[in-house]
């Protein structure tokens, strides 16, 4: 947070691995994380949605591209 303004380019993830907590922190160089709006105060994401969110992909509207060309 800078001067009280939220930019949405940072995300923290707290994960319990069975022995303790791991804190992951990521900052996007360009753009913002597509954060869901909580209608009831909480948000539930599938593991696939969380993976796309973590990579900065808009999990609500993923842009599907053609598969990579086959290398001979």
Protein backbone atom coordinates (compact mmCIF):
# COMPACT_ATOMS: atom_id res chain seq x y z
CA UNK A 1 0.00 0.00 0.00
CA UNK A 2 1.35 3.37 -0.97
CA UNK A 3 -0.20 6.58 0.40
CA UNK A 4 -3.33 4.65 1.35
CA UNK A 5 -4.03 3.54 -2.24
CA UNK A 6 -4.38 -0.14 -3.09
CA UNK A 7 -2.94 -1.08 -6.43
CA UNK A 8 -3.91 -4.76 -6.55
CA UNK A 9 -0.50 -5.83 -7.88
CA UNK A 10 0.48 -7.74 -4.72
CA UNK A 11 -0.87 -10.94 -3.23
CA UNK A 12 -0.06 -12.96 -0.10
CA UNK A 13 -0.89 -16.63 0.33
CA UNK A 14 -0.77 -18.37 3.71
CA UNK A 15 -0.50 -22.15 3.45
CA UNK A 16 -0.33 -24.81 6.19
CA UNK A 17 1.86 -27.74 5.08
CA UNK A 18 1.17 -29.99 8.06
CA UNK A 19 4.18 -28.86 10.11
CA UNK A 20 3.85 -25.11 9.95
CA UNK A 21 2.71 -22.18 7.89
CA UNK A 22 4.33 -20.96 4.68
CA UNK A 23 3.85 -17.38 3.53
CA UNK A 24 4.06 -16.74 -0.21
CA UNK A 25 4.20 -13.17 -1.52
CA UNK A 26 4.10 -12.13 -5.16
CA UNK A 27 4.20 -8.75 -6.91
CA UNK A 28 3.24 -8.35 -10.57
CA UNK A 29 5.51 -6.14 -12.65
CA UNK A 30 2.61 -5.12 -14.92
CA UNK A 31 -1.13 -5.19 -14.38
CA UNK A 32 -3.23 -6.24 -11.43
CA UNK A 33 -4.42 -9.50 -9.95
CA UNK A 34 -7.99 -10.31 -11.05
CA UNK A 35 -9.37 -10.48 -7.53
CA UNK A 36 -12.92 -11.81 -7.09
CA UNK A 37 -15.47 -9.61 -5.34
CA UNK A 38 -16.81 -11.24 -2.18
CA UNK A 39 -20.60 -11.13 -2.23
CA UNK A 40 -21.03 -12.61 1.24
CA UNK A 41 -17.69 -11.59 2.80
CA UNK A 42 -15.74 -14.67 1.73
CA UNK A 43 -14.52 -16.18 -1.51
CA UNK A 44 -14.04 -19.84 -2.42
CA UNK A 45 -11.66 -20.74 -5.23
CA UNK A 46 -10.84 -24.10 -6.73
CA UNK A 47 -7.19 -25.13 -6.91
CA UNK A 48 -7.21 -24.35 -10.65
CA UNK A 49 -8.65 -20.86 -10.04
CA UNK A 50 -6.08 -20.22 -7.32
CA UNK A 51 -3.24 -21.34 -9.61
CA UNK A 52 -4.42 -18.99 -12.35
CA UNK A 53 -4.86 -16.13 -9.86
CA UNK A 54 -1.33 -16.71 -8.55
CA UNK A 55 0.06 -16.52 -12.10
CA UNK A 56 -1.84 -13.30 -12.79
CA UNK A 57 -4.23 -14.93 -15.27
CA UNK A 58 -7.81 -13.69 -15.17
CA UNK A 59 -9.43 -16.95 -14.01
CA UNK A 60 -12.89 -15.57 -14.81
CA UNK A 61 -12.07 -15.20 -18.54
CA UNK A 62 -8.91 -17.15 -19.43
CA UNK A 63 -7.54 -16.42 -22.88
CA UNK A 64 -7.07 -19.76 -24.57
CA UNK A 65 -4.32 -19.78 -27.15
CA UNK A 66 -3.28 -22.39 -29.67
CA UNK A 67 -0.95 -25.11 -28.38
CA UNK A 68 2.76 -24.70 -29.08
CA UNK A 69 4.04 -25.91 -32.43
CA UNK A 70 5.57 -29.36 -32.51
CA UNK A 71 9.35 -29.36 -32.63
CA UNK A 72 10.86 -31.84 -35.06
